[in-house]
Amino acid sequence: LIIGPITAACGVAVPKMSGRGLGHTGGTIDKLESINGYRTELPFDE
């Protein structure tokens, strides 16, 4: 959630697919879905 925006701000594109958490480690998709309205399932074109 931090290095993607930093790297993109420096002119390098960061496309990423992530998973949900299982067990004691968290998942990036779960973190993003805690933001009201954030959609994690998008068509590839979007």
ModelCIF file with pLDDT and N, C-alpha, C, O atoms, coordinates in Angstrom:
data_MODEL
#
_entry.id   MODEL 
#
_entity.id                         1 
_entity.type                       polymer 
_entity.pdbx_number_of_molecules   1 
#
_entity_poly.entity_id                      1 
_entity_poly.type                           'polypeptide(L)' 
_entity_poly.nstd_linkage                   no 
_entity_poly.nstd_monomer                   no 
_entity_poly.pdbx_seq_one_letter_code       LIIGPITAACGVAVPKMSGRGLGHTGGTIDKLESINGYRTELPFDE 
_entity_poly.pdbx_seq_one_letter_code_can   LIIGPITAACGVAVPKMSGRGLGHTGGTIDKLESINGYRTELPFDE 
_entity_poly.pdbx_strand_id                 A 
#
loop_
_entity_poly_seq.entity_id 
_entity_poly_seq.num 
_entity_poly_seq.mon_id 
_entity_poly_seq.hetero 
1 1  LEU n 
1 2  ILE n 
1 3  ILE n 
1 4  GLY n 
1 5  PRO n 
1 6  ILE n 
1 7  THR n 
1 8  ALA n 
1 9  ALA n 
1 10 CYS n 
1 11 GLY n 
1 12 VAL n 
1 13 ALA n 
1 14 VAL n 
1 15 PRO n 
1 16 LYS n 
1 17 MET n 
1 18 SER n 
1 19 GLY n 
1 20 ARG n 
1 21 GLY n 
1 22 LEU n 
1 23 GLY n 
1 24 HIS n 
1 25 THR n 
1 26 GLY n 
1 27 GLY n 
1 28 THR n 
1 29 ILE n 
1 30 ASP n 
1 31 LYS n 
1 32 LEU n 
1 33 GLU n 
1 34 SER n 
1 35 ILE n 
1 36 ASN n 
1 37 GLY n 
1 38 TYR n 
1 39 ARG n 
1 40 THR n 
1 41 GLU n 
1 42 LEU n 
1 43 PRO n 
1 44 PHE n 
1 45 ASP n 
1 46 GLU n 
#
_struct_asym.id          A 
_struct_asym.entity_id   1 
#
loop_
_ma_qa_metric.id 
_ma_qa_metric.mode 
_ma_qa_metric.name 
_ma_qa_metric.software_group_id 
_ma_qa_metric.type 
1 global pLDDT . pLDDT 
2 local  pLDDT . pLDDT 
#
_ma_qa_metric_global.metric_id      1 
_ma_qa_metric_global.metric_value   90.11 
_ma_qa_metric_global.model_id       1 
_ma_qa_metric_global.ordinal_id     1 
#
loop_
_ma_qa_metric_local.label_asym_id 
_ma_qa_metric_local.label_comp_id 
_ma_qa_metric_local.label_seq_id 
_ma_qa_metric_local.metric_id 
_ma_qa_metric_local.metric_value 
_ma_qa_metric_local.model_id 
_ma_qa_metric_local.ordinal_id 
A LEU 1  2 97.00 1 1  
A ILE 2  2 98.00 1 2  
A ILE 3  2 98.00 1 3  
A GLY 4  2 97.00 1 4  
A PRO 5  2 98.00 1 5  
A ILE 6  2 98.00 1 6  
A THR 7  2 98.00 1 7  
A ALA 8  2 98.00 1 8  
A ALA 9  2 98.00 1 9  
A CYS 10 2 97.00 1 10 
A GLY 11 2 96.00 1 11 
A VAL 12 2 97.00 1 12 
A ALA 13 2 97.00 1 13 
A VAL 14 2 97.00 1 14 
A PRO 15 2 96.00 1 15 
A LYS 16 2 95.00 1 16 
A MET 17 2 91.00 1 17 
A SER 18 2 88.00 1 18 
A GLY 19 2 80.00 1 19 
A ARG 20 2 74.00 1 20 
A GLY 21 2 66.00 1 21 
A LEU 22 2 61.00 1 22 
A GLY 23 2 60.00 1 23 
A HIS 24 2 60.00 1 24 
A THR 25 2 63.00 1 25 
A GLY 26 2 67.00 1 26 
A GLY 27 2 84.00 1 27 
A THR 28 2 91.00 1 28 
A ILE 29 2 92.00 1 29 
A ASP 30 2 92.00 1 30 
A LYS 31 2 94.00 1 31 
A LEU 32 2 96.00 1 32 
A GLU 33 2 94.00 1 33 
A SER 34 2 95.00 1 34 
A ILE 35 2 97.00 1 35 
A ASN 36 2 96.00 1 36 
A GLY 37 2 97.00 1 37 
A TYR 38 2 97.00 1 38 
A ARG 39 2 96.00 1 39 
A THR 40 2 95.00 1 40 
A GLU 41 2 94.00 1 41 
A LEU 42 2 94.00 1 42 
A PRO 43 2 93.00 1 43 
A PHE 44 2 93.00 1 44 
A ASP 45 2 94.00 1 45 
A GLU 46 2 96.00 1 46 
#
loop_
_atom_site.group_PDB 
_atom_site.id 
_atom_site.type_symbol 
_atom_site.label_atom_id 
_atom_site.label_alt_id 
_atom_site.label_comp_id 
_atom_site.label_asym_id 
_atom_site.label_entity_id 
_atom_site.label_seq_id 
_atom_site.pdbx_PDB_ins_code 
_atom_site.Cartn_x 
_atom_site.Cartn_y 
_atom_site.Cartn_z 
_atom_site.occupancy 
_atom_site.B_iso_or_equiv 
_atom_site.pdbx_formal_charge 
_atom_site.auth_seq_id 
_atom_site.auth_comp_id 
_atom_site.auth_asym_id 
_atom_site.auth_atom_id 
_atom_site.pdbx_PDB_model_num 
ATOM 1   N N  . LEU A 1 1  ? 0.824   -1.212  0.000   1.00 97.00 ? 1  LEU A N  1 
ATOM 2   C CA . LEU A 1 1  ? 0.000   0.000   0.000   1.00 97.00 ? 1  LEU A CA 1 
ATOM 3   C C  . LEU A 1 1  ? 0.858   1.262   0.000   1.00 97.00 ? 1  LEU A C  1 
ATOM 4   O O  . LEU A 1 1  ? 0.377   2.346   -0.332  1.00 97.00 ? 1  LEU A O  1 
ATOM 5   N N  . ILE A 1 2  ? 2.118   1.119   0.370   1.00 98.00 ? 2  ILE A N  1 
ATOM 6   C CA . ILE A 1 2  ? 3.013   2.265   0.500   1.00 98.00 ? 2  ILE A CA 1 
ATOM 7   C C  . ILE A 1 2  ? 3.981   2.362   -0.670  1.00 98.00 ? 2  ILE A C  1 
ATOM 8   O O  . ILE A 1 2  ? 4.142   3.427   -1.266  1.00 98.00 ? 2  ILE A O  1 
ATOM 9   N N  . ILE A 1 3  ? 4.623   1.247   -0.996  1.00 98.00 ? 3  ILE A N  1 
ATOM 10  C CA . ILE A 1 3  ? 5.663   1.303   -2.024  1.00 98.00 ? 3  ILE A CA 1 
ATOM 11  C C  . ILE A 1 3  ? 5.089   1.423   -3.431  1.00 98.00 ? 3  ILE A C  1 
ATOM 12  O O  . ILE A 1 3  ? 5.755   1.944   -4.325  1.00 98.00 ? 3  ILE A O  1 
ATOM 13  N N  . GLY A 1 4  ? 3.858   0.946   -3.640  1.00 97.00 ? 4  GLY A N  1 
ATOM 14  C CA . GLY A 1 4  ? 3.220   1.117   -4.951  1.00 97.00 ? 4  GLY A CA 1 
ATOM 15  C C  . GLY A 1 4  ? 3.071   2.591   -5.299  1.00 97.00 ? 4  GLY A C  1 
ATOM 16  O O  . GLY A 1 4  ? 3.533   3.015   -6.359  1.00 97.00 ? 4  GLY A O  1 
ATOM 17  N N  . PRO A 1 5  ? 2.436   3.389   -4.432  1.00 98.00 ? 5  PRO A N  1 
ATOM 18  C CA . PRO A 1 5  ? 2.326   4.829   -4.706  1.00 98.00 ? 5  PRO A CA 1 
ATOM 19  C C  . PRO A 1 5  ? 3.681   5.543   -4.792  1.00 98.00 ? 5  PRO A C  1 
ATOM 20  O O  . PRO A 1 5  ? 3.851   6.439   -5.620  1.00 98.00 ? 5  PRO A O  1 
ATOM 21  N N  . ILE A 1 6  ? 4.645   5.156   -3.945  1.00 98.00 ? 6  ILE A N  1 
ATOM 22  C CA . ILE A 1 6  ? 5.961   5.798   -3.996  1.00 98.00 ? 6  ILE A CA 1 
ATOM 23  C C  . ILE A 1 6  ? 6.609   5.547   -5.352  1.00 98.00 ? 6  ILE A C  1 
ATOM 24  O O  . ILE A 1 6  ? 7.090   6.480   -5.995  1.00 98.00 ? 6  ILE A O  1 
ATOM 25  N N  . THR A 1 7  ? 6.623   4.292   -5.784  1.00 98.00 ? 7  THR A N  1 
ATOM 26  C CA . THR A 1 7  ? 7.279   3.928   -7.040  1.00 98.00 ? 7  THR A CA 1 
ATOM 27  C C  . THR A 1 7  ? 6.562   4.566   -8.232  1.00 98.00 ? 7  THR A C  1 
ATOM 28  O O  . THR A 1 7  ? 7.208   5.058   -9.158  1.00 98.00 ? 7  THR A O  1 
ATOM 29  N N  . ALA A 1 8  ? 5.231   4.557   -8.207  1.00 98.00 ? 8  ALA A N  1 
ATOM 30  C CA . ALA A 1 8  ? 4.457   5.168   -9.295  1.00 98.00 ? 8  ALA A CA 1 
ATOM 31  C C  . ALA A 1 8  ? 4.701   6.668   -9.370  1.00 98.00 ? 8  ALA A C  1 
ATOM 32  O O  . ALA A 1 8  ? 4.767   7.230   -10.463 1.00 98.00 ? 8  ALA A O  1 
ATOM 33  N N  . ALA A 1 9  ? 4.838   7.326   -8.213  1.00 98.00 ? 9  ALA A N  1 
ATOM 34  C CA . ALA A 1 9  ? 5.105   8.767   -8.183  1.00 98.00 ? 9  ALA A CA 1 
ATOM 35  C C  . ALA A 1 9  ? 6.451   9.109   -8.814  1.00 98.00 ? 9  ALA A C  1 
ATOM 36  O O  . ALA A 1 9  ? 6.688   10.251  -9.210  1.00 98.00 ? 9  ALA A O  1 
ATOM 37  N N  . CYS A 1 10 ? 7.327   8.113   -8.906  1.00 97.00 ? 10 CYS A N  1 
ATOM 38  C CA . CYS A 1 10 ? 8.658   8.301   -9.509  1.00 97.00 ? 10 CYS A CA 1 
ATOM 39  C C  . CYS A 1 10 ? 8.693   7.874   -10.975 1.00 97.00 ? 10 CYS A C  1 
ATOM 40  O O  . CYS A 1 10 ? 9.767   7.820   -11.575 1.00 97.00 ? 10 CYS A O  1 
ATOM 41  N N  . GLY A 1 11 ? 7.528   7.568   -11.561 1.00 96.00 ? 11 GLY A N  1 
ATOM 42  C CA . GLY A 1 11 ? 7.456   7.303   -12.993 1.00 96.00 ? 11 GLY A CA 1 
ATOM 43  C C  . GLY A 1 11 ? 7.564   5.859   -13.410 1.00 96.00 ? 11 GLY A C  1 
ATOM 44  O O  . GLY A 1 11 ? 7.839   5.577   -14.576 1.00 96.00 ? 11 GLY A O  1 
ATOM 45  N N  . VAL A 1 12 ? 7.353   4.922   -12.481 1.00 97.00 ? 12 VAL A N  1 
ATOM 46  C CA . VAL A 1 12 ? 7.379   3.494   -12.815 1.00 97.00 ? 12 VAL A CA 1 
ATOM 47  C C  . VAL A 1 12 ? 6.011   2.898   -12.487 1.00 97.00 ? 12 VAL A C  1 
ATOM 48  O O  . VAL A 1 12 ? 5.515   3.070   -11.374 1.00 97.00 ? 12 VAL A O  1 
ATOM 49  N N  . ALA A 1 13 ? 5.400   2.204   -13.439 1.00 97.00 ? 13 ALA A N  1 
ATOM 50  C CA . ALA A 1 13 ? 4.056   1.657   -13.243 1.00 97.00 ? 13 ALA A CA 1 
ATOM 51  C C  . ALA A 1 13 ? 4.100   0.402   -12.377 1.00 97.00 ? 13 ALA A C  1 
ATOM 52  O O  . ALA A 1 13 ? 4.970   -0.453  -12.544 1.00 97.00 ? 13 ALA A O  1 
ATOM 53  N N  . VAL A 1 14 ? 3.145   0.303   -11.449 1.00 97.00 ? 14 VAL A N  1 
ATOM 54  C CA . VAL A 1 14 ? 3.085   -0.838  -10.529 1.00 97.00 ? 14 VAL A CA 1 
ATOM 55  C C  . VAL A 1 14 ? 1.703   -1.499  -10.631 1.00 97.00 ? 14 VAL A C  1 
ATOM 56  O O  . VAL A 1 14 ? 0.805   -1.169  -9.857  1.00 97.00 ? 14 VAL A O  1 
ATOM 57  N N  . PRO A 1 15 ? 1.527   -2.432  -11.582 1.00 96.00 ? 15 PRO A N  1 
ATOM 58  C CA . PRO A 1 15 ? 0.285   -3.213  -11.647 1.00 96.00 ? 15 PRO A CA 1 
ATOM 59  C C  . PRO A 1 15 ? 0.431   -4.443  -10.759 1.00 96.00 ? 15 PRO A C  1 
ATOM 60  O O  . PRO A 1 15 ? 1.437   -5.149  -10.832 1.00 96.00 ? 15 PRO A O  1 
ATOM 61  N N  . LYS A 1 16 ? -0.562  -4.701  -9.926  1.00 95.00 ? 16 LYS A N  1 
ATOM 62  C CA . LYS A 1 16 ? -0.383  -5.774  -8.948  1.00 95.00 ? 16 LYS A CA 1 
ATOM 63  C C  . LYS A 1 16 ? -1.697  -6.503  -8.712  1.00 95.00 ? 16 LYS A C  1 
ATOM 64  O O  . LYS A 1 16 ? -2.757  -5.890  -8.588  1.00 95.00 ? 16 LYS A O  1 
ATOM 65  N N  . MET A 1 17 ? -1.601  -7.829  -8.654  1.00 91.00 ? 17 MET A N  1 
ATOM 66  C CA . MET A 1 17 ? -2.706  -8.665  -8.203  1.00 91.00 ? 17 MET A CA 1 
ATOM 67  C C  . MET A 1 17 ? -2.317  -9.284  -6.878  1.00 91.00 ? 17 MET A C  1 
ATOM 68  O O  . MET A 1 17 ? -1.210  -9.804  -6.738  1.00 91.00 ? 17 MET A O  1 
ATOM 69  N N  . SER A 1 18 ? -3.212  -9.236  -5.900  1.00 88.00 ? 18 SER A N  1 
ATOM 70  C CA . SER A 1 18 ? -2.914  -9.737  -4.558  1.00 88.00 ? 18 SER A CA 1 
ATOM 71  C C  . SER A 1 18 ? -4.025  -10.651 -4.078  1.00 88.00 ? 18 SER A C  1 
ATOM 72  O O  . SER A 1 18 ? -5.078  -10.768 -4.705  1.00 88.00 ? 18 SER A O  1 
ATOM 73  N N  . GLY A 1 19 ? -3.764  -11.297 -2.946  1.00 80.00 ? 19 GLY A N  1 
ATOM 74  C CA . GLY A 1 19 ? -4.725  -12.252 -2.404  1.00 80.00 ? 19 GLY A CA 1 
ATOM 75  C C  . GLY A 1 19 ? -5.285  -11.810 -1.069  1.00 80.00 ? 19 GLY A C  1 
ATOM 76  O O  . GLY A 1 19 ? -4.938  -10.757 -0.536  1.00 80.00 ? 19 GLY A O  1 
ATOM 77  N N  . ARG A 1 20 ? -6.165  -12.652 -0.547  1.00 74.00 ? 20 ARG A N  1 
ATOM 78  C CA . ARG A 1 20 ? -6.750  -12.422 0.771   1.00 74.00 ? 20 ARG A CA 1 
ATOM 79  C C  . ARG A 1 20 ? -5.909  -13.150 1.817   1.00 74.00 ? 20 ARG A C  1 
ATOM 80  O O  . ARG A 1 20 ? -5.141  -14.058 1.499   1.00 74.00 ? 20 ARG A O  1 
ATOM 81  N N  . GLY A 1 21 ? -6.073  -12.734 3.061   1.00 66.00 ? 21 GLY A N  1 
ATOM 82  C CA . GLY A 1 21 ? -5.295  -13.323 4.137   1.00 66.00 ? 21 GLY A CA 1 
ATOM 83  C C  . GLY A 1 21 ? -5.846  -14.668 4.569   1.00 66.00 ? 21 GLY A C  1 
ATOM 84  O O  . GLY A 1 21 ? -7.045  -14.927 4.470   1.00 66.00 ? 21 GLY A O  1 
ATOM 85  N N  . LEU A 1 22 ? -4.944  -15.525 5.055   1.00 61.00 ? 22 LEU A N  1 
ATOM 86  C CA . LEU A 1 22 ? -5.327  -16.808 5.627   1.00 61.00 ? 22 LEU A CA 1 
ATOM 87  C C  . LEU A 1 22 ? -4.353  -17.107 6.761   1.00 61.00 ? 22 LEU A C  1 
ATOM 88  O O  . LEU A 1 22 ? -3.138  -17.086 6.565   1.00 61.00 ? 22 LEU A O  1 
ATOM 89  N N  . GLY A 1 23 ? -4.892  -17.387 7.950   1.00 60.00 ? 23 GLY A N  1 
ATOM 90  C CA . GLY A 1 23 ? -4.030  -17.617 9.100   1.00 60.00 ? 23 GLY A CA 1 
ATOM 91  C C  . GLY A 1 23 ? -3.590  -16.305 9.724   1.00 60.00 ? 23 GLY A C  1 
ATOM 92  O O  . GLY A 1 23 ? -4.331  -15.322 9.722   1.00 60.00 ? 23 GLY A O  1 
ATOM 93  N N  . HIS A 1 24 ? -2.361  -16.301 10.266  1.00 60.00 ? 24 HIS A N  1 
ATOM 94  C CA . HIS A 1 24 ? -1.919  -15.146 11.047  1.00 60.00 ? 24 HIS A CA 1 
ATOM 95  C C  . HIS A 1 24 ? -1.381  -13.999 10.203  1.00 60.00 ? 24 HIS A C  1 
ATOM 96  O O  . HIS A 1 24 ? -1.118  -12.925 10.744  1.00 60.00 ? 24 HIS A O  1 
ATOM 97  N N  . THR A 1 25 ? -1.205  -14.188 8.879   1.00 63.00 ? 25 THR A N  1 
ATOM 98  C CA . THR A 1 25 ? -0.727  -13.102 8.029   1.00 63.00 ? 25 THR A CA 1 
ATOM 99  C C  . THR A 1 25 ? -1.897  -12.479 7.277   1.00 63.00 ? 25 THR A C  1 
ATOM 100 O O  . THR A 1 25 ? -2.791  -13.184 6.810   1.00 63.00 ? 25 THR A O  1 
ATOM 101 N N  . GLY A 1 26 ? -1.884  -11.173 7.166   1.00 67.00 ? 26 GLY A N  1 
ATOM 102 C CA . GLY A 1 26 ? -2.984  -10.461 6.518   1.00 67.00 ? 26 GLY A CA 1 
ATOM 103 C C  . GLY A 1 26 ? -2.852  -10.463 5.008   1.00 67.00 ? 26 GLY A C  1 
ATOM 104 O O  . GLY A 1 26 ? -1.777  -10.725 4.468   1.00 67.00 ? 26 GLY A O  1 
ATOM 105 N N  . GLY A 1 27 ? -3.956  -10.168 4.330   1.00 84.00 ? 27 GLY A N  1 
ATOM 106 C CA . GLY A 1 27 ? -3.969  -10.098 2.875   1.00 84.00 ? 27 GLY A CA 1 
ATOM 107 C C  . GLY A 1 27 ? -4.195  -8.674  2.404   1.00 84.00 ? 27 GLY A C  1 
ATOM 108 O O  . GLY A 1 27 ? -5.006  -7.944  2.974   1.00 84.00 ? 27 GLY A O  1 
ATOM 109 N N  . THR A 1 28 ? -3.469  -8.276  1.351   1.00 91.00 ? 28 THR A N  1 
ATOM 110 C CA . THR A 1 28 ? -3.573  -6.904  0.845   1.00 91.00 ? 28 THR A CA 1 
ATOM 111 C C  . THR A 1 28 ? -4.990  -6.587  0.386   1.00 91.00 ? 28 THR A C  1 
ATOM 112 O O  . THR A 1 28 ? -5.465  -5.469  0.588   1.00 91.00 ? 28 THR A O  1 
ATOM 113 N N  . ILE A 1 29 ? -5.672  -7.550  -0.227  1.00 92.00 ? 29 ILE A N  1 
ATOM 114 C CA . ILE A 1 29 ? -7.036  -7.307  -0.700  1.00 92.00 ? 29 ILE A CA 1 
ATOM 115 C C  . ILE A 1 29 ? -7.974  -7.017  0.480   1.00 92.00 ? 29 ILE A C  1 
ATOM 116 O O  . ILE A 1 29 ? -8.831  -6.139  0.378   1.00 92.00 ? 29 ILE A O  1 
ATOM 117 N N  . ASP A 1 30 ? -7.826  -7.732  1.581   1.00 92.00 ? 30 ASP A N  1 
ATOM 118 C CA . ASP A 1 30 ? -8.644  -7.453  2.770   1.00 92.00 ? 30 ASP A CA 1 
ATOM 119 C C  . ASP A 1 30 ? -8.404  -6.043  3.287   1.00 92.00 ? 30 ASP A C  1 
ATOM 120 O O  . ASP A 1 30 ? -9.343  -5.362  3.698   1.00 92.00 ? 30 ASP A O  1 
ATOM 121 N N  . LYS A 1 31 ? -7.159  -5.605  3.268   1.00 94.00 ? 31 LYS A N  1 
ATOM 122 C CA . LYS A 1 31 ? -6.845  -4.255  3.723   1.00 94.00 ? 31 LYS A CA 1 
ATOM 123 C C  . LYS A 1 31 ? -7.543  -3.228  2.843   1.00 94.00 ? 31 LYS A C  1 
ATOM 124 O O  . LYS A 1 31 ? -8.171  -2.297  3.347   1.00 94.00 ? 31 LYS A O  1 
ATOM 125 N N  . LEU A 1 32 ? -7.435  -3.398  1.522   1.00 96.00 ? 32 LEU A N  1 
ATOM 126 C CA . LEU A 1 32 ? -8.062  -2.443  0.603   1.00 96.00 ? 32 LEU A CA 1 
ATOM 127 C C  . LEU A 1 32 ? -9.583  -2.446  0.730   1.00 96.00 ? 32 LEU A C  1 
ATOM 128 O O  . LEU A 1 32 ? -10.221 -1.400  0.618   1.00 96.00 ? 32 LEU A O  1 
ATOM 129 N N  . GLU A 1 33 ? -10.161 -3.623  0.963   1.00 94.00 ? 33 GLU A N  1 
ATOM 130 C CA . GLU A 1 33 ? -11.621 -3.696  1.080   1.00 94.00 ? 33 GLU A CA 1 
ATOM 131 C C  . GLU A 1 33 ? -12.138 -3.126  2.388   1.00 94.00 ? 33 GLU A C  1 
ATOM 132 O O  . GLU A 1 33 ? -13.351 -3.029  2.572   1.00 94.00 ? 33 GLU A O  1 
ATOM 133 N N  . SER A 1 34 ? -11.246 -2.743  3.309   1.00 95.00 ? 34 SER A N  1 
ATOM 134 C CA . SER A 1 34 ? -11.686 -2.039  4.511   1.00 95.00 ? 34 SER A CA 1 
ATOM 135 C C  . SER A 1 34 ? -11.946 -0.559  4.214   1.00 95.00 ? 34 SER A C  1 
ATOM 136 O O  . SER A 1 34 ? -12.486 0.159   5.056   1.00 95.00 ? 34 SER A O  1 
ATOM 137 N N  . ILE A 1 35 ? -11.565 -0.108  3.023   1.00 97.00 ? 35 ILE A N  1 
ATOM 138 C CA . ILE A 1 35 ? -11.872 1.255   2.580   1.00 97.00 ? 35 ILE A CA 1 
ATOM 139 C C  . ILE A 1 35 ? -13.275 1.248   1.988   1.00 97.00 ? 35 ILE A C  1 
ATOM 140 O O  . ILE A 1 35 ? -13.556 0.469   1.078   1.00 97.00 ? 35 ILE A O  1 
ATOM 141 N N  . ASN A 1 36 ? -14.147 2.097   2.487   1.00 96.00 ? 36 ASN A N  1 
ATOM 142 C CA . ASN A 1 36 ? -15.535 2.132   2.017   1.00 96.00 ? 36 ASN A CA 1 
ATOM 143 C C  . ASN A 1 36 ? -15.588 2.317   0.500   1.00 96.00 ? 36 ASN A C  1 
ATOM 144 O O  . ASN A 1 36 ? -15.032 3.271   -0.044  1.00 96.00 ? 36 ASN A O  1 
ATOM 145 N N  . GLY A 1 37 ? -16.273 1.378   -0.174  1.00 97.00 ? 37 GLY A N  1 
ATOM 146 C CA . GLY A 1 37 ? -16.507 1.483   -1.608  1.00 97.00 ? 37 GLY A CA 1 
ATOM 147 C C  . GLY A 1 37 ? -15.414 0.941   -2.502  1.00 97.00 ? 37 GLY A C  1 
ATOM 148 O O  . GLY A 1 37 ? -15.622 0.820   -3.709  1.00 97.00 ? 37 GLY A O  1 
ATOM 149 N N  . TYR A 1 38 ? -14.254 0.611   -1.954  1.00 97.00 ? 38 TYR A N  1 
ATOM 150 C CA . TYR A 1 38 ? -13.125 0.191   -2.791  1.00 97.00 ? 38 TYR A CA 1 
ATOM 151 C C  . TYR A 1 38 ? -13.430 -1.142  -3.474  1.00 97.00 ? 38 TYR A C  1 
ATOM 152 O O  . TYR A 1 38 ? -13.777 -2.122  -2.815  1.00 97.00 ? 38 TYR A O  1 
ATOM 153 N N  . ARG A 1 39 ? -13.297 -1.168  -4.806  1.00 96.00 ? 39 ARG A N  1 
ATOM 154 C CA . ARG A 1 39 ? -13.566 -2.372  -5.592  1.00 96.00 ? 39 ARG A CA 1 
ATOM 155 C C  . ARG A 1 39 ? -12.241 -3.061  -5.923  1.00 96.00 ? 39 ARG A C  1 
ATOM 156 O O  . ARG A 1 39 ? -11.342 -2.452  -6.502  1.00 96.00 ? 39 ARG A O  1 
ATOM 157 N N  . THR A 1 40 ? -12.133 -4.323  -5.552  1.00 95.00 ? 40 THR A N  1 
ATOM 158 C CA . THR A 1 40 ? -10.911 -5.078  -5.846  1.00 95.00 ? 40 THR A CA 1 
ATOM 159 C C  . THR A 1 40 ? -11.071 -5.997  -7.047  1.00 95.00 ? 40 THR A C  1 
ATOM 160 O O  . THR A 1 40 ? -10.075 -6.485  -7.583  1.00 95.00 ? 40 THR A O  1 
ATOM 161 N N  . GLU A 1 41 ? -12.291 -6.241  -7.478  1.00 94.00 ? 41 GLU A N  1 
ATOM 162 C CA . GLU A 1 41 ? -12.533 -7.094  -8.645  1.00 94.00 ? 41 GLU A CA 1 
ATOM 163 C C  . GLU A 1 41 ? -12.919 -6.200  -9.816  1.00 94.00 ? 41 GLU A C  1 
ATOM 164 O O  . GLU A 1 41 ? -14.049 -5.720  -9.903  1.00 94.00 ? 41 GLU A O  1 
ATOM 165 N N  . LEU A 1 42 ? -11.963 -5.985  -10.714 1.00 94.00 ? 42 LEU A N  1 
ATOM 166 C CA . LEU A 1 42 ? -12.178 -5.103  -11.853 1.00 94.00 ? 42 LEU A CA 1 
ATOM 167 C C  . LEU A 1 42 ? -11.898 -5.850  -13.151 1.00 94.00 ? 42 LEU A C  1 
ATOM 168 O O  . LEU A 1 42 ? -11.064 -6.755  -13.172 1.00 94.00 ? 42 LEU A O  1 
ATOM 169 N N  . PRO A 1 43 ? -12.588 -5.482  -14.242 1.00 93.00 ? 43 PRO A N  1 
ATOM 170 C CA . PRO A 1 43 ? -12.210 -6.020  -15.555 1.00 93.00 ? 43 PRO A CA 1 
ATOM 171 C C  . PRO A 1 43 ? -10.776 -5.595  -15.881 1.00 93.00 ? 43 PRO A C  1 
ATOM 172 O O  . PRO A 1 43 ? -10.315 -4.541  -15.443 1.00 93.00 ? 43 PRO A O  1 
ATOM 173 N N  . PHE A 1 44 ? -10.088 -6.418  -16.645 1.00 93.00 ? 44 PHE A N  1 
ATOM 174 C CA . PHE A 1 44 ? -8.683  -6.142  -16.946 1.00 93.00 ? 44 PHE A CA 1 
ATOM 175 C C  . PHE A 1 44 ? -8.510  -4.792  -17.632 1.00 93.00 ? 44 PHE A C  1 
ATOM 176 O O  . PHE A 1 44 ? -7.542  -4.080  -17.366 1.00 93.00 ? 44 PHE A O  1 
ATOM 177 N N  . ASP A 1 45 ? -9.446  -4.434  -18.518 1.00 94.00 ? 45 ASP A N  1 
ATOM 178 C CA . ASP A 1 45 ? -9.336  -3.150  -19.231 1.00 94.00 ? 45 ASP A CA 1 
ATOM 179 C C  . ASP A 1 45 ? -9.392  -1.974  -18.261 1.00 94.00 ? 45 ASP A C  1 
ATOM 180 O O  . ASP A 1 45 ? -8.651  -1.004  -18.421 1.00 94.00 ? 45 ASP A O  1 
ATOM 181 N N  . GLU A 1 46 ? -10.264 -2.053  -17.257 1.00 96.00 ? 46 GLU A N  1 
ATOM 182 C CA . GLU A 1 46 ? -10.354 -0.970  -16.277 1.00 96.00 ? 46 GLU A CA 1 
ATOM 183 C C  . GLU A 1 46 ? -9.093  -0.919  -15.417 1.00 96.00 ? 46 GLU A C  1 
ATOM 184 O O  . GLU A 1 46 ? -8.983  -0.070  -14.532 1.00 96.00 ? 46 GLU A O  1 
#
